[in-house]
Amino acid sequence: GPVEKTYSVSAWHSLGHLESWVKADTHLAIWAAGIKHFKLAGDEA
């Protein structure tokens, strides 16, 4: 059954379109949460 792993696969018109989205607010929120996660967990992450 399901395991504690997820992934997304997405297809983009170009690398440039993906690069634009990763600078958008929604992705920036994901990025910031991830950075904070690793800062809080430290070397034991």
All heavy atoms as atom14 arrays in JSON, in Angstrom:
{
  "sequence": "GPVEKTYSVSAWHSLGHLESWVKADTHLAIWAAGIKHFKLAGDEA",
  "atom14_mask": [
    [1, 1, 1, 1, 0, 0, 0, 0, 0, 0, 0, 0, 0, 0],
    [1, 1, 1, 1, 1, 1, 1, 0, 0, 0, 0, 0, 0, 0],
    [1, 1, 1, 1, 1, 1, 1, 0, 0, 0, 0, 0, 0, 0],
    [1, 1, 1, 1, 1, 1, 1, 1, 1, 0, 0, 0, 0, 0],
    [1, 1, 1, 1, 1, 1, 1, 1, 1, 0, 0, 0, 0, 0],
    [1, 1, 1, 1, 1, 1, 1, 0, 0, 0, 0, 0, 0, 0],
    [1, 1, 1, 1, 1, 1, 1, 1, 1, 1, 1, 1, 0, 0],
    [1, 1, 1, 1, 1, 1, 0, 0, 0, 0, 0, 0, 0, 0],
    [1, 1, 1, 1, 1, 1, 1, 0, 0, 0, 0, 0, 0, 0],
    [1, 1, 1, 1, 1, 1, 0, 0, 0, 0, 0, 0, 0, 0],
    [1, 1, 1, 1, 1, 0, 0, 0, 0, 0, 0, 0, 0, 0],
    [1, 1, 1, 1, 1, 1, 1, 1, 1, 1, 1, 1, 1, 1],
    [1, 1, 1, 1, 1, 1, 1, 1, 1, 1, 0, 0, 0, 0],
    [1, 1, 1, 1, 1, 1, 0, 0, 0, 0, 0, 0, 0, 0],
    [1, 1, 1, 1, 1, 1, 1, 1, 0, 0, 0, 0, 0, 0],
    [1, 1, 1, 1, 0, 0, 0, 0, 0, 0, 0, 0, 0, 0],
    [1, 1, 1, 1, 1, 1, 1, 1, 1, 1, 0, 0, 0, 0],
    [1, 1, 1, 1, 1, 1, 1, 1, 0, 0, 0, 0, 0, 0],
    [1, 1, 1, 1, 1, 1, 1, 1, 1, 0, 0, 0, 0, 0],
    [1, 1, 1, 1, 1, 1, 0, 0, 0, 0, 0, 0, 0, 0],
    [1, 1, 1, 1, 1, 1, 1, 1, 1, 1, 1, 1, 1, 1],
    [1, 1, 1, 1, 1, 1, 1, 0, 0, 0, 0, 0, 0, 0],
    [1, 1, 1, 1, 1, 1, 1, 1, 1, 0, 0, 0, 0, 0],
    [1, 1, 1, 1, 1, 0, 0, 0, 0, 0, 0, 0, 0, 0],
    [1, 1, 1, 1, 1, 1, 1, 1, 0, 0, 0, 0, 0, 0],
    [1, 1, 1, 1, 1, 1, 1, 0, 0, 0, 0, 0, 0, 0],
    [1, 1, 1, 1, 1, 1, 1, 1, 1, 1, 0, 0, 0, 0],
    [1, 1, 1, 1, 1, 1, 1, 1, 0, 0, 0, 0, 0, 0],
    [1, 1, 1, 1, 1, 0, 0, 0, 0, 0, 0, 0, 0, 0],
    [1, 1, 1, 1, 1, 1, 1, 1, 0, 0, 0, 0, 0, 0],
    [1, 1, 1, 1, 1, 1, 1, 1, 1, 1, 1, 1, 1, 1],
    [1, 1, 1, 1, 1, 0, 0, 0, 0, 0, 0, 0, 0, 0],
    [1, 1, 1, 1, 1, 0, 0, 0, 0, 0, 0, 0, 0, 0],
    [1, 1, 1, 1, 0, 0, 0, 0, 0, 0, 0, 0, 0, 0],
    [1, 1, 1, 1, 1, 1, 1, 1, 0, 0, 0, 0, 0, 0],
    [1, 1, 1, 1, 1, 1, 1, 1, 1, 0, 0, 0, 0, 0],
    [1, 1, 1, 1, 1, 1, 1, 1, 1, 1, 0, 0, 0, 0],
    [1, 1, 1, 1, 1, 1, 1, 1, 1, 1, 1, 0, 0, 0],
    [1, 1, 1, 1, 1, 1, 1, 1, 1, 0, 0, 0, 0, 0],
    [1, 1, 1, 1, 1, 1, 1, 1, 0, 0, 0, 0, 0, 0],
    [1, 1, 1, 1, 1, 0, 0, 0, 0, 0, 0, 0, 0, 0],
    [1, 1, 1, 1, 0, 0, 0, 0, 0, 0, 0, 0, 0, 0],
    [1, 1, 1, 1, 1, 1, 1, 1, 0, 0, 0, 0, 0, 0],
    [1, 1, 1, 1, 1, 1, 1, 1, 1, 0, 0, 0, 0, 0],
    [1, 1, 1, 1, 1, 0, 0, 0, 0, 0, 0, 0, 0, 0]
  ],
  "atom14_positions": [
    [[0.81, -1.21, 0.0], [0.0, 0.0, 0.0], [0.85, 1.26, 0.0], [2.06, 1.21, -0.24], [0.0, 0.0, 0.0], [0.0, 0.0, 0.0], [0.0, 0.0, 0.0], [0.0, 0.0, 0.0], [0.0, 0.0, 0.0], [0.0, 0.0, 0.0], [0.0, 0.0, 0.0], [0.0, 0.0, 0.0], [0.0, 0.0, 0.0], [0.0, 0.0, 0.0]],
    [[0.24, 2.42, 0.26], [0.96, 3.7, 0.21], [2.11, 3.75, 1.21], [2.03, 3.21, 2.31], [-0.11, 4.73, 0.56], [-1.41, 4.04, 0.28], [-1.19, 2.6, 0.6], [0.0, 0.0, 0.0], [0.0, 0.0, 0.0], [0.0, 0.0, 0.0], [0.0, 0.0, 0.0], [0.0, 0.0, 0.0], [0.0, 0.0, 0.0], [0.0, 0.0, 0.0]],
    [[3.2, 4.42, 0.82], [4.32, 4.69, 1.71], [4.45, 6.19, 1.89], [3.79, 6.97, 1.19], [5.64, 4.09, 1.16], [5.52, 2.58, 1.05], [5.99, 4.69, -0.21], [0.0, 0.0, 0.0], [0.0, 0.0, 0.0], [0.0, 0.0, 0.0], [0.0, 0.0, 0.0], [0.0, 0.0, 0.0], [0.0, 0.0, 0.0], [0.0, 0.0, 0.0]],
    [[5.26, 6.63, 2.81], [5.37, 8.06, 3.12], [6.33, 8.75, 2.16], [7.33, 9.35, 2.54], [5.77, 8.25, 4.58], [4.67, 7.78, 5.53], [5.01, 7.98, 6.97], [6.2, 7.86, 7.35], [4.07, 8.26, 7.77], [0.0, 0.0, 0.0], [0.0, 0.0, 0.0], [0.0, 0.0, 0.0], [0.0, 0.0, 0.0], [0.0, 0.0, 0.0]],
    [[6.01, 8.64, 0.9], [6.76, 9.29, -0.17], [5.76, 9.84, -1.18], [4.81, 9.15, -1.56], [7.69, 8.32, -0.9], [8.83, 7.75, -0.08], [9.7, 6.86, -0.96], [10.86, 6.25, -0.2], [11.71, 5.43, -1.11], [0.0, 0.0, 0.0], [0.0, 0.0, 0.0], [0.0, 0.0, 0.0], [0.0, 0.0, 0.0], [0.0, 0.0, 0.0]],
    [[5.98, 11.07, -1.63], [5.19, 11.65, -2.71], [6.13, 12.19, -3.78], [7.31, 12.43, -3.53], [4.3, 12.8, -2.19], [5.1, 13.72, -1.45], [3.18, 12.29, -1.32], [0.0, 0.0, 0.0], [0.0, 0.0, 0.0], [0.0, 0.0, 0.0], [0.0, 0.0, 0.0], [0.0, 0.0, 0.0], [0.0, 0.0, 0.0], [0.0, 0.0, 0.0]],
    [[5.59, 12.37, -4.97], [6.31, 13.13, -5.98], [5.3, 13.72, -6.95], [4.18, 13.22, -7.1], [7.37, 12.29, -6.69], [6.9, 11.35, -7.77], [6.79, 11.77, -9.1], [6.59, 10.03, -7.48], [6.39, 10.9, -10.1], [6.18, 9.15, -8.47], [6.08, 9.59, -9.78], [5.68, 8.73, -10.78], [0.0, 0.0, 0.0], [0.0, 0.0, 0.0]],
    [[5.71, 14.79, -7.58], [4.92, 15.35, -8.66], [5.71, 15.22, -9.95], [6.94, 15.28, -9.94], [4.59, 16.83, -8.41], [5.78, 17.61, -8.44], [0.0, 0.0, 0.0], [0.0, 0.0, 0.0], [0.0, 0.0, 0.0], [0.0, 0.0, 0.0], [0.0, 0.0, 0.0], [0.0, 0.0, 0.0], [0.0, 0.0, 0.0], [0.0, 0.0, 0.0]],
    [[5.0, 15.01, -11.05], [5.61, 15.09, -12.37], [4.8, 16.12, -13.15], [3.58, 16.04, -13.22], [5.68, 13.73, -13.08], [4.31, 13.11, -13.27], [6.39, 13.87, -14.42], [0.0, 0.0, 0.0], [0.0, 0.0, 0.0], [0.0, 0.0, 0.0], [0.0, 0.0, 0.0], [0.0, 0.0, 0.0], [0.0, 0.0, 0.0], [0.0, 0.0, 0.0]],
    [[5.49, 17.12, -13.68], [4.82, 18.19, -14.41], [5.53, 18.43, -15.74], [6.75, 18.28, -15.84], [4.8, 19.48, -13.58], [6.11, 19.85, -13.17], [0.0, 0.0, 0.0], [0.0, 0.0, 0.0], [0.0, 0.0, 0.0], [0.0, 0.0, 0.0], [0.0, 0.0, 0.0], [0.0, 0.0, 0.0], [0.0, 0.0, 0.0], [0.0, 0.0, 0.0]],
    [[4.74, 18.79, -16.75], [5.27, 19.06, -18.09], [5.03, 20.53, -18.42], [3.89, 21.01, -18.3], [4.61, 18.16, -19.13], [0.0, 0.0, 0.0], [0.0, 0.0, 0.0], [0.0, 0.0, 0.0], [0.0, 0.0, 0.0], [0.0, 0.0, 0.0], [0.0, 0.0, 0.0], [0.0, 0.0, 0.0], [0.0, 0.0, 0.0], [0.0, 0.0, 0.0]],
    [[6.08, 21.24, -18.84], [6.02, 22.68, -19.06], [6.37, 23.01, -20.51], [7.19, 22.33, -21.13], [7.0, 23.38, -18.12], [6.69, 23.16, -16.67], [6.93, 22.02, -15.93], [6.07, 24.09, -15.78], [6.49, 22.19, -14.65], [5.96, 23.45, -14.52], [5.6, 25.4, -15.92], [5.4, 24.08, -13.41], [5.05, 26.02, -14.82], [4.94, 25.37, -13.58]],
    [[5.75, 24.08, -21.0], [6.02, 24.52, -22.36], [7.51, 24.79, -22.57], [8.03, 24.58, -23.66], [5.2, 25.77, -22.68], [5.3, 26.23, -24.1], [5.02, 25.41, -25.17], [5.65, 27.43, -24.64], [5.19, 26.07, -26.3], [5.58, 27.3, -26.01], [0.0, 0.0, 0.0], [0.0, 0.0, 0.0], [0.0, 0.0, 0.0], [0.0, 0.0, 0.0]],
    [[8.17, 25.22, -21.51], [9.61, 25.47, -21.61], [10.21, 25.53, -20.22], [9.51, 25.7, -19.21], [9.89, 26.79, -22.34], [9.51, 27.89, -21.51], [0.0, 0.0, 0.0], [0.0, 0.0, 0.0], [0.0, 0.0, 0.0], [0.0, 0.0, 0.0], [0.0, 0.0, 0.0], [0.0, 0.0, 0.0], [0.0, 0.0, 0.0], [0.0, 0.0, 0.0]],
    [[11.52, 25.41, -20.16], [12.23, 25.62, -18.91], [11.99, 27.04, -18.4], [11.87, 27.26, -17.2], [13.73, 25.37, -19.11], [14.64, 25.63, -17.91], [14.24, 24.8, -16.71], [16.1, 25.37, -18.29], [0.0, 0.0, 0.0], [0.0, 0.0, 0.0], [0.0, 0.0, 0.0], [0.0, 0.0, 0.0], [0.0, 0.0, 0.0], [0.0, 0.0, 0.0]],
    [[11.89, 27.99, -19.31], [11.64, 29.37, -18.93], [10.33, 29.54, -18.18], [10.25, 30.31, -17.22], [0.0, 0.0, 0.0], [0.0, 0.0, 0.0], [0.0, 0.0, 0.0], [0.0, 0.0, 0.0], [0.0, 0.0, 0.0], [0.0, 0.0, 0.0], [0.0, 0.0, 0.0], [0.0, 0.0, 0.0], [0.0, 0.0, 0.0], [0.0, 0.0, 0.0]],
    [[9.27, 28.82, -18.59], [8.0, 28.9, -17.88], [8.12, 28.33, -16.47], [7.55, 28.88, -15.52], [6.91, 28.14, -18.65], [6.41, 28.86, -19.86], [7.0, 28.73, -21.1], [5.38, 29.74, -20.02], [6.34, 29.49, -21.97], [5.36, 30.11, -21.34], [0.0, 0.0, 0.0], [0.0, 0.0, 0.0], [0.0, 0.0, 0.0], [0.0, 0.0, 0.0]],
    [[8.85, 27.24, -16.32], [9.07, 26.69, -14.99], [9.87, 27.66, -14.13], [9.55, 27.88, -12.96], [9.81, 25.35, -15.1], [10.24, 24.7, -13.78], [9.06, 24.46, -12.86], [10.99, 23.39, -14.05], [0.0, 0.0, 0.0], [0.0, 0.0, 0.0], [0.0, 0.0, 0.0], [0.0, 0.0, 0.0], [0.0, 0.0, 0.0], [0.0, 0.0, 0.0]],
    [[10.89, 28.27, -14.71], [11.7, 29.23, -13.97], [10.87, 30.41, -13.49], [11.11, 30.96, -12.41], [12.87, 29.71, -14.85], [13.94, 28.66, -15.06], [14.97, 29.07, -16.11], [14.58, 29.73, -17.11], [16.15, 28.73, -15.94], [0.0, 0.0, 0.0], [0.0, 0.0, 0.0], [0.0, 0.0, 0.0], [0.0, 0.0, 0.0], [0.0, 0.0, 0.0]],
    [[9.9, 30.82, -14.29], [9.03, 31.92, -13.87], [8.16, 31.5, -12.7], [7.97, 32.26, -11.74], [8.14, 32.37, -15.04], [8.92, 32.94, -16.07], [0.0, 0.0, 0.0], [0.0, 0.0, 0.0], [0.0, 0.0, 0.0], [0.0, 0.0, 0.0], [0.0, 0.0, 0.0], [0.0, 0.0, 0.0], [0.0, 0.0, 0.0], [0.0, 0.0, 0.0]],
    [[7.61, 30.26, -12.75], [6.72, 29.85, -11.67], [7.45, 29.7, -10.33], [6.91, 30.0, -9.28], [6.01, 28.53, -12.0], [5.03, 28.17, -10.93], [3.83, 28.78, -10.67], [5.16, 27.15, -9.94], [3.21, 28.19, -9.59], [4.01, 27.19, -9.12], [6.15, 26.19, -9.67], [3.81, 26.31, -8.05], [5.95, 25.32, -8.61], [4.8, 25.39, -7.81]],
    [[8.7, 29.25, -10.37], [9.39, 29.04, -9.09], [9.68, 30.36, -8.38], [9.99, 30.37, -7.19], [10.7, 28.23, -9.26], [10.41, 26.87, -9.84], [11.73, 28.98, -10.09], [0.0, 0.0, 0.0], [0.0, 0.0, 0.0], [0.0, 0.0, 0.0], [0.0, 0.0, 0.0], [0.0, 0.0, 0.0], [0.0, 0.0, 0.0], [0.0, 0.0, 0.0]],
    [[9.54, 31.48, -9.09], [9.7, 32.79, -8.45], [8.35, 33.38, -8.01], [8.32, 34.45, -7.41], [10.37, 33.76, -9.43], [11.77, 33.33, -9.85], [12.33, 34.29, -10.89], [13.64, 33.79, -11.46], [14.16, 34.68, -12.53], [0.0, 0.0, 0.0], [0.0, 0.0, 0.0], [0.0, 0.0, 0.0], [0.0, 0.0, 0.0], [0.0, 0.0, 0.0]],
    [[7.25, 32.68, -8.3], [5.93, 33.17, -7.93], [5.67, 32.93, -6.44], [6.32, 32.11, -5.79], [4.86, 32.46, -8.76], [0.0, 0.0, 0.0], [0.0, 0.0, 0.0], [0.0, 0.0, 0.0], [0.0, 0.0, 0.0], [0.0, 0.0, 0.0], [0.0, 0.0, 0.0], [0.0, 0.0, 0.0], [0.0, 0.0, 0.0], [0.0, 0.0, 0.0]],
    [[4.71, 33.66, -5.89], [4.46, 33.63, -4.45], [4.17, 32.23, -3.92], [4.64, 31.85, -2.85], [3.29, 34.55, -4.1], [3.64, 36.02, -4.25], [4.85, 36.34, -4.35], [2.71, 36.86, -4.27], [0.0, 0.0, 0.0], [0.0, 0.0, 0.0], [0.0, 0.0, 0.0], [0.0, 0.0, 0.0], [0.0, 0.0, 0.0], [0.0, 0.0, 0.0]],
    [[3.4, 31.44, -4.69], [3.03, 30.11, -4.21], [4.25, 29.23, -4.03], [4.41, 28.55, -3.01], [2.05, 29.44, -5.19], [0.97, 30.32, -5.46], [1.51, 28.14, -4.61], [0.0, 0.0, 0.0], [0.0, 0.0, 0.0], [0.0, 0.0, 0.0], [0.0, 0.0, 0.0], [0.0, 0.0, 0.0], [0.0, 0.0, 0.0], [0.0, 0.0, 0.0]],
    [[5.14, 29.24, -5.01], [6.34, 28.42, -4.89], [7.3, 29.0, -3.86], [7.97, 28.25, -3.14], [7.05, 28.26, -6.23], [8.26, 27.37, -6.12], [9.52, 27.87, -5.91], [8.38, 26.02, -6.15], [10.38, 26.86, -5.82], [9.72, 25.73, -5.96], [0.0, 0.0, 0.0], [0.0, 0.0, 0.0], [0.0, 0.0, 0.0], [0.0, 0.0, 0.0]],
    [[7.38, 30.31, -3.77], [8.26, 30.91, -2.77], [7.86, 30.48, -1.36], [8.71, 30.29, -0.48], [8.25, 32.43, -2.89], [8.95, 33.01, -4.12], [8.8, 34.52, -4.15], [10.42, 32.62, -4.14], [0.0, 0.0, 0.0], [0.0, 0.0, 0.0], [0.0, 0.0, 0.0], [0.0, 0.0, 0.0], [0.0, 0.0, 0.0], [0.0, 0.0, 0.0]],
    [[6.55, 30.32, -1.13], [6.09, 29.87, 0.18], [6.55, 28.43, 0.46], [6.94, 28.1, 1.59], [4.58, 29.96, 0.26], [0.0, 0.0, 0.0], [0.0, 0.0, 0.0], [0.0, 0.0, 0.0], [0.0, 0.0, 0.0], [0.0, 0.0, 0.0], [0.0, 0.0, 0.0], [0.0, 0.0, 0.0], [0.0, 0.0, 0.0], [0.0, 0.0, 0.0]],
    [[6.53, 27.58, -0.58], [7.02, 26.21, -0.42], [8.51, 26.23, -0.11], [9.0, 25.56, 0.81], [6.77, 25.39, -1.71], [5.29, 25.36, -2.07], [7.33, 23.98, -1.57], [5.0, 24.78, -3.44], [0.0, 0.0, 0.0], [0.0, 0.0, 0.0], [0.0, 0.0, 0.0], [0.0, 0.0, 0.0], [0.0, 0.0, 0.0], [0.0, 0.0, 0.0]],
    [[9.25, 27.01, -0.88], [10.7, 27.1, -0.73], [11.07, 27.6, 0.66], [11.94, 27.04, 1.33], [11.24, 28.03, -1.82], [12.72, 28.19, -1.81], [13.66, 27.32, -2.33], [13.45, 29.29, -1.28], [14.92, 27.82, -2.15], [14.82, 29.03, -1.5], [13.1, 30.47, -0.65], [15.83, 29.9, -1.1], [14.1, 31.34, -0.24], [15.44, 31.06, -0.48]],
    [[10.37, 28.63, 1.13], [10.68, 29.2, 2.44], [10.38, 28.2, 3.55], [11.15, 28.07, 4.52], [9.87, 30.47, 2.66], [0.0, 0.0, 0.0], [0.0, 0.0, 0.0], [0.0, 0.0, 0.0], [0.0, 0.0, 0.0], [0.0, 0.0, 0.0], [0.0, 0.0, 0.0], [0.0, 0.0, 0.0], [0.0, 0.0, 0.0], [0.0, 0.0, 0.0]],
    [[9.27, 27.46, 3.44], [8.93, 26.46, 4.44], [9.98, 25.35, 4.47], [10.37, 24.86, 5.54], [7.56, 25.88, 4.17], [0.0, 0.0, 0.0], [0.0, 0.0, 0.0], [0.0, 0.0, 0.0], [0.0, 0.0, 0.0], [0.0, 0.0, 0.0], [0.0, 0.0, 0.0], [0.0, 0.0, 0.0], [0.0, 0.0, 0.0], [0.0, 0.0, 0.0]],
    [[10.46, 24.94, 3.29], [11.49, 23.91, 3.23], [12.8, 24.37, 3.85], [13.45, 23.61, 4.59], [0.0, 0.0, 0.0], [0.0, 0.0, 0.0], [0.0, 0.0, 0.0], [0.0, 0.0, 0.0], [0.0, 0.0, 0.0], [0.0, 0.0, 0.0], [0.0, 0.0, 0.0], [0.0, 0.0, 0.0], [0.0, 0.0, 0.0], [0.0, 0.0, 0.0]],
    [[13.2, 25.61, 3.56], [14.43, 26.14, 4.14], [14.31, 26.18, 5.67], [15.25, 25.8, 6.4], [14.72, 27.55, 3.59], [15.06, 27.47, 2.09], [15.85, 28.22, 4.37], [16.34, 26.72, 1.78], [0.0, 0.0, 0.0], [0.0, 0.0, 0.0], [0.0, 0.0, 0.0], [0.0, 0.0, 0.0], [0.0, 0.0, 0.0], [0.0, 0.0, 0.0]],
    [[13.16, 26.63, 6.16], [12.96, 26.7, 7.61], [13.0, 25.3, 8.22], [13.55, 25.1, 9.32], [11.63, 27.37, 7.92], [11.44, 27.66, 9.41], [10.2, 28.5, 9.66], [10.06, 28.83, 11.16], [8.86, 29.65, 11.44], [0.0, 0.0, 0.0], [0.0, 0.0, 0.0], [0.0, 0.0, 0.0], [0.0, 0.0, 0.0], [0.0, 0.0, 0.0]],
    [[12.43, 24.32, 7.51], [12.45, 22.95, 8.01], [13.88, 22.49, 8.27], [14.19, 21.96, 9.34], [11.77, 22.02, 7.0], [11.8, 20.58, 7.41], [10.69, 19.93, 7.9], [12.8, 19.66, 7.44], [11.01, 18.68, 8.2], [12.28, 18.49, 7.92], [0.0, 0.0, 0.0], [0.0, 0.0, 0.0], [0.0, 0.0, 0.0], [0.0, 0.0, 0.0]],
    [[14.75, 22.68, 7.29], [16.12, 22.19, 7.43], [16.92, 23.0, 8.45], [17.82, 22.47, 9.11], [16.82, 22.16, 6.07], [16.37, 21.01, 5.21], [15.53, 21.22, 4.12], [16.75, 19.71, 5.49], [15.1, 20.17, 3.34], [16.32, 18.65, 4.72], [15.5, 18.87, 3.64], [0.0, 0.0, 0.0], [0.0, 0.0, 0.0], [0.0, 0.0, 0.0]],
    [[16.58, 24.27, 8.61], [17.24, 25.07, 9.64], [16.85, 24.59, 11.03], [17.69, 24.5, 11.94], [16.89, 26.55, 9.47], [17.62, 27.22, 8.32], [17.3, 28.7, 8.27], [18.11, 29.39, 7.16], [17.79, 30.84, 7.09], [0.0, 0.0, 0.0], [0.0, 0.0, 0.0], [0.0, 0.0, 0.0], [0.0, 0.0, 0.0], [0.0, 0.0, 0.0]],
    [[15.56, 24.26, 11.22], [15.1, 23.79, 12.52], [15.63, 22.4, 12.84], [16.0, 22.11, 13.98], [13.57, 23.8, 12.56], [12.89, 25.17, 12.57], [11.38, 25.01, 12.42], [13.21, 25.92, 13.86], [0.0, 0.0, 0.0], [0.0, 0.0, 0.0], [0.0, 0.0, 0.0], [0.0, 0.0, 0.0], [0.0, 0.0, 0.0], [0.0, 0.0, 0.0]],
    [[15.66, 21.52, 11.85], [16.1, 20.15, 12.08], [17.62, 20.04, 12.15], [18.14, 19.12, 12.8], [15.56, 19.23, 10.97], [0.0, 0.0, 0.0], [0.0, 0.0, 0.0], [0.0, 0.0, 0.0], [0.0, 0.0, 0.0], [0.0, 0.0, 0.0], [0.0, 0.0, 0.0], [0.0, 0.0, 0.0], [0.0, 0.0, 0.0], [0.0, 0.0, 0.0]],
    [[18.34, 20.94, 11.49], [19.79, 20.95, 11.53], [20.41, 19.71, 10.9], [19.85, 19.1, 9.98], [0.0, 0.0, 0.0], [0.0, 0.0, 0.0], [0.0, 0.0, 0.0], [0.0, 0.0, 0.0], [0.0, 0.0, 0.0], [0.0, 0.0, 0.0], [0.0, 0.0, 0.0], [0.0, 0.0, 0.0], [0.0, 0.0, 0.0], [0.0, 0.0, 0.0]],
    [[21.54, 19.31, 11.43], [22.28, 18.17, 10.87], [21.54, 16.85, 11.05], [21.89, 15.85, 10.42], [23.66, 18.07, 11.52], [24.57, 19.24, 11.15], [24.3, 19.88, 10.11], [25.52, 19.51, 11.9], [0.0, 0.0, 0.0], [0.0, 0.0, 0.0], [0.0, 0.0, 0.0], [0.0, 0.0, 0.0], [0.0, 0.0, 0.0], [0.0, 0.0, 0.0]],
    [[20.53, 16.83, 11.91], [19.78, 15.6, 12.17], [18.56, 15.47, 11.26], [17.76, 14.55, 11.45], [19.33, 15.57, 13.63], [20.47, 15.63, 14.65], [21.47, 14.51, 14.44], [21.02, 13.35, 14.27], [22.68, 14.8, 14.44], [0.0, 0.0, 0.0], [0.0, 0.0, 0.0], [0.0, 0.0, 0.0], [0.0, 0.0, 0.0], [0.0, 0.0, 0.0]],
    [[18.4, 16.37, 10.29], [17.23, 16.33, 9.42], [17.13, 15.0, 8.67], [18.12, 14.51, 8.13], [17.31, 17.48, 8.41], [0.0, 0.0, 0.0], [0.0, 0.0, 0.0], [0.0, 0.0, 0.0], [0.0, 0.0, 0.0], [0.0, 0.0, 0.0], [0.0, 0.0, 0.0], [0.0, 0.0, 0.0], [0.0, 0.0, 0.0], [0.0, 0.0, 0.0]]
  ]
}
